[in-house]
Amino acid sequence: MPVYTKHFTEQEIESLITFYRSTTGEKMVDKNPINSTRKHGNR
């Protein structure tokens, strides 16, 4: 995705992917207020 490659190296993107696929990364996404709001149908 161009928006990511503009700001991150390929290695950094791979590290981000690894993190967000980890248990801690998944928990962070789950606990993020924006994601929690979307899960419950609010925008």
PDB file of N, CA and C in Angstrom:
ATOM      1  N   MET A   1       0.834  -1.176   0.000  1.00  0.00           N
ATOM      2  CA  MET A   1       0.000   0.000   0.000  1.00  0.00           C
ATOM      3  C   MET A   1       0.881   1.243   0.000  1.00  0.00           C
ATOM      4  N   PRO A   2       0.644   2.117  -0.924  1.00  0.00           N
ATOM      5  CA  PRO A   2       1.490   3.306  -1.044  1.00  0.00           C
ATOM      6  C   PRO A   2       1.553   4.170   0.217  1.00  0.00           C
ATOM      7  N   VAL A   3       0.470   4.263   0.965  1.00  0.00           N
ATOM      8  CA  VAL A   3       0.484   5.098   2.166  1.00  0.00           C
ATOM      9  C   VAL A   3       1.501   4.582   3.183  1.00  0.00           C
ATOM     10  N   TYR A   4       1.680   3.279   3.256  1.00  0.00           N
ATOM     11  CA  TYR A   4       2.651   2.713   4.188  1.00  0.00           C
ATOM     12  C   TYR A   4       4.063   2.796   3.633  1.00  0.00           C
ATOM     13  N   THR A   5       4.232   2.493   2.363  1.00  0.00           N
ATOM     14  CA  THR A   5       5.576   2.516   1.787  1.00  0.00           C
ATOM     15  C   THR A   5       6.140   3.930   1.715  1.00  0.00           C
ATOM     16  N   LYS A   6       5.277   4.921   1.790  1.00  0.00           N
ATOM     17  CA  LYS A   6       5.739   6.308   1.809  1.00  0.00           C
ATOM     18  C   LYS A   6       6.421   6.646   3.136  1.00  0.00           C
ATOM     19  N   HIS A   7       5.993   5.988   4.212  1.00  0.00           N
ATOM     20  CA  HIS A   7       6.479   6.339   5.545  1.00  0.00           C
ATOM     21  C   HIS A   7       7.316   5.259   6.224  1.00  0.00           C
ATOM     22  N   PHE A   8       7.236   4.020   5.723  1.00  0.00           N
ATOM     23  CA  PHE A   8       7.932   2.904   6.360  1.00  0.00           C
ATOM     24  C   PHE A   8       8.746   2.129   5.338  1.00  0.00           C
ATOM     25  N   THR A   9       9.872   1.572   5.802  1.00  0.00           N
ATOM     26  CA  THR A   9      10.652   0.684   4.942  1.00  0.00           C
ATOM     27  C   THR A   9       9.936  -0.664   4.864  1.00  0.00           C
ATOM     28  N   GLU A  10      10.346  -1.489   3.933  1.00  0.00           N
ATOM     29  CA  GLU A  10       9.756  -2.822   3.805  1.00  0.00           C
ATOM     30  C   GLU A  10       9.957  -3.626   5.090  1.00  0.00           C
ATOM     31  N   GLN A  11      11.128  -3.509   5.686  1.00  0.00           N
ATOM     32  CA  GLN A  11      11.414  -4.226   6.938  1.00  0.00           C
ATOM     33  C   GLN A  11      10.506  -3.738   8.070  1.00  0.00           C
ATOM     34  N   GLU A  12      10.274  -2.444   8.143  1.00  0.00           N
ATOM     35  CA  GLU A  12       9.381  -1.905   9.177  1.00  0.00           C
ATOM     36  C   GLU A  12       7.947  -2.395   8.971  1.00  0.00           C
ATOM     37  N   ILE A  13       7.506  -2.463   7.737  1.00  0.00           N
ATOM     38  CA  ILE A  13       6.161  -2.967   7.439  1.00  0.00           C
ATOM     39  C   ILE A  13       6.043  -4.425   7.857  1.00  0.00           C
ATOM     40  N   GLU A  14       7.063  -5.219   7.565  1.00  0.00           N
ATOM     41  CA  GLU A  14       7.057  -6.628   7.984  1.00  0.00           C
ATOM     42  C   GLU A  14       6.996  -6.735   9.508  1.00  0.00           C
ATOM     43  N   SER A  15       7.724  -5.866  10.199  1.00  0.00           N
ATOM     44  CA  SER A  15       7.692  -5.868  11.668  1.00  0.00           C
ATOM     45  C   SER A  15       6.310  -5.496  12.194  1.00  0.00           C
ATOM     46  N   LEU A  16       5.671  -4.522  11.568  1.00  0.00           N
ATOM     47  CA  LEU A  16       4.316  -4.138  11.966  1.00  0.00           C
ATOM     48  C   LEU A  16       3.334  -5.283  11.755  1.00  0.00           C
ATOM     49  N   ILE A  17       3.446  -5.963  10.626  1.00  0.00           N
ATOM     50  CA  ILE A  17       2.571  -7.105  10.340  1.00  0.00           C
ATOM     51  C   ILE A  17       2.765  -8.182  11.396  1.00  0.00           C
ATOM     52  N   THR A  18       4.015  -8.479  11.711  1.00  0.00           N
ATOM     53  CA  THR A  18       4.311  -9.485  12.734  1.00  0.00           C
ATOM     54  C   THR A  18       3.701  -9.083  14.069  1.00  0.00           C
ATOM     55  N   PHE A  19       3.855  -7.815  14.425  1.00  0.00           N
ATOM     56  CA  PHE A  19       3.295  -7.344  15.693  1.00  0.00           C
ATOM     57  C   PHE A  19       1.773  -7.472  15.709  1.00  0.00           C
ATOM     58  N   TYR A  20       1.103  -6.979  14.683  1.00  0.00           N
ATOM     59  CA  TYR A  20      -0.364  -6.987  14.692  1.00  0.00           C
ATOM     60  C   TYR A  20      -0.953  -8.386  14.581  1.00  0.00           C
ATOM     61  N   ARG A  21      -0.163  -9.345  14.142  1.00  0.00           N
ATOM     62  CA  ARG A  21      -0.609 -10.745  14.127  1.00  0.00           C
ATOM     63  C   ARG A  21      -0.333 -11.440  15.461  1.00  0.00           C
ATOM     64  N   SER A  22       0.439 -10.797  16.329  1.00  0.00           N
ATOM     65  CA  SER A  22       0.765 -11.389  17.631  1.00  0.00           C
ATOM     66  C   SER A  22      -0.408 -11.213  18.591  1.00  0.00           C
ATOM     67  N   THR A  23      -0.367 -11.942  19.691  1.00  0.00           N
ATOM     68  CA  THR A  23      -1.401 -11.831  20.716  1.00  0.00           C
ATOM     69  C   THR A  23      -1.488 -10.401  21.243  1.00  0.00           C
ATOM     70  N   THR A  24      -0.349  -9.784  21.491  1.00  0.00           N
ATOM     71  CA  THR A  24      -0.332  -8.413  21.999  1.00  0.00           C
ATOM     72  C   THR A  24      -0.890  -7.438  20.965  1.00  0.00           C
ATOM     73  N   GLY A  25      -0.516  -7.612  19.718  1.00  0.00           N
ATOM     74  CA  GLY A  25      -1.031  -6.747  18.657  1.00  0.00           C
ATOM     75  C   GLY A  25      -2.529  -6.887  18.487  1.00  0.00           C
ATOM     76  N   GLU A  26      -3.026  -8.122  18.533  1.00  0.00           N
ATOM     77  CA  GLU A  26      -4.468  -8.352  18.420  1.00  0.00           C
ATOM     78  C   GLU A  26      -5.204  -7.721  19.599  1.00  0.00           C
ATOM     79  N   LYS A  27      -4.615  -7.809  20.783  1.00  0.00           N
ATOM     80  CA  LYS A  27      -5.232  -7.207  21.968  1.00  0.00           C
ATOM     81  C   LYS A  27      -5.261  -5.684  21.832  1.00  0.00           C
ATOM     82  N   MET A  28      -4.185  -5.108  21.313  1.00  0.00           N
ATOM     83  CA  MET A  28      -4.134  -3.667  21.135  1.00  0.00           C
ATOM     84  C   MET A  28      -5.231  -3.200  20.176  1.00  0.00           C
ATOM     85  N   VAL A  29      -5.404  -3.912  19.080  1.00  0.00           N
ATOM     86  CA  VAL A  29      -6.453  -3.572  18.122  1.00  0.00           C
ATOM     87  C   VAL A  29      -7.821  -3.706  18.773  1.00  0.00           C
ATOM     88  N   ASP A  30      -8.007  -4.775  19.531  1.00  0.00           N
ATOM     89  CA  ASP A  30      -9.286  -5.023  20.192  1.00  0.00           C
ATOM     90  C   ASP A  30      -9.614  -3.945  21.218  1.00  0.00           C
ATOM     91  N   LYS A  31      -8.594  -3.451  21.924  1.00  0.00           N
ATOM     92  CA  LYS A  31      -8.809  -2.466  22.987  1.00  0.00           C
ATOM     93  C   LYS A  31      -8.816  -1.027  22.482  1.00  0.00           C
ATOM     94  N   ASN A  32      -8.466  -0.810  21.233  1.00  0.00           N
ATOM     95  CA  ASN A  32      -8.445   0.525  20.652  1.00  0.00           C
ATOM     96  C   ASN A  32      -9.867   1.088  20.630  1.00  0.00           C
ATOM     97  N   PRO A  33     -10.097   2.270  21.208  1.00  0.00           N
ATOM     98  CA  PRO A  33     -11.455   2.817  21.276  1.00  0.00           C
ATOM     99  C   PRO A  33     -12.138   2.942  19.919  1.00  0.00           C
ATOM    100  N   ILE A  34     -11.413   3.283  18.877  1.00  0.00           N
ATOM    101  CA  ILE A  34     -12.017   3.406  17.547  1.00  0.00           C
ATOM    102  C   ILE A  34     -12.524   2.051  17.078  1.00  0.00           C
ATOM    103  N   ASN A  35     -11.723   1.005  17.238  1.00  0.00           N
ATOM    104  CA  ASN A  35     -12.146  -0.329  16.820  1.00  0.00           C
ATOM    105  C   ASN A  35     -13.285  -0.847  17.681  1.00  0.00           C
ATOM    106  N   SER A  36     -13.256  -0.584  18.968  1.00  0.00           N
ATOM    107  CA  SER A  36     -14.318  -1.035  19.859  1.00  0.00           C
ATOM    108  C   SER A  36     -15.643  -0.398  19.477  1.00  0.00           C
ATOM    109  N   THR A  37     -15.612   0.874  19.125  1.00  0.00           N
ATOM    110  CA  THR A  37     -16.827   1.574  18.717  1.00  0.00           C
ATOM    111  C   THR A  37     -17.382   0.967  17.442  1.00  0.00           C
ATOM    112  N   ARG A  38     -16.542   0.684  16.484  1.00  0.00           N
ATOM    113  CA  ARG A  38     -16.994   0.102  15.217  1.00  0.00           C
ATOM    114  C   ARG A  38     -17.560  -1.293  15.412  1.00  0.00           C
ATOM    115  N   LYS A  39     -16.986  -2.056  16.339  1.00  0.00           N
ATOM    116  CA  LYS A  39     -17.475  -3.406  16.606  1.00  0.00           C
ATOM    117  C   LYS A  39     -18.920  -3.388  17.074  1.00  0.00           C
ATOM    118  N   HIS A  40     -19.284  -2.345  17.795  1.00  0.00           N
ATOM    119  CA  HIS A  40     -20.613  -2.270  18.380  1.00  0.00           C
ATOM    120  C   HIS A  40     -21.593  -1.502  17.497  1.00  0.00           C
ATOM    121  N   GLY A  41     -21.203  -1.238  16.260  1.00  0.00           N
ATOM    122  CA  GLY A  41     -22.105  -0.621  15.305  1.00  0.00           C
ATOM    123  C   GLY A  41     -22.194   0.891  15.373  1.00  0.00           C
ATOM    124  N   ASN A  42     -21.396   1.513  16.188  1.00  0.00           N
ATOM    125  CA  ASN A  42     -21.396   2.978  16.275  1.00  0.00           C
ATOM    126  C   ASN A  42     -20.318   3.537  15.370  1.00  0.00           C
ATOM    127  N   ARG A  43     -20.519   4.734  14.876  1.00  0.00           N
ATOM    128  CA  ARG A  43     -19.509   5.392  14.038  1.00  0.00           C
ATOM    129  C   ARG A  43     -19.324   6.809  14.467  1.00  0.00           C
TER     130      ARG A  43
END
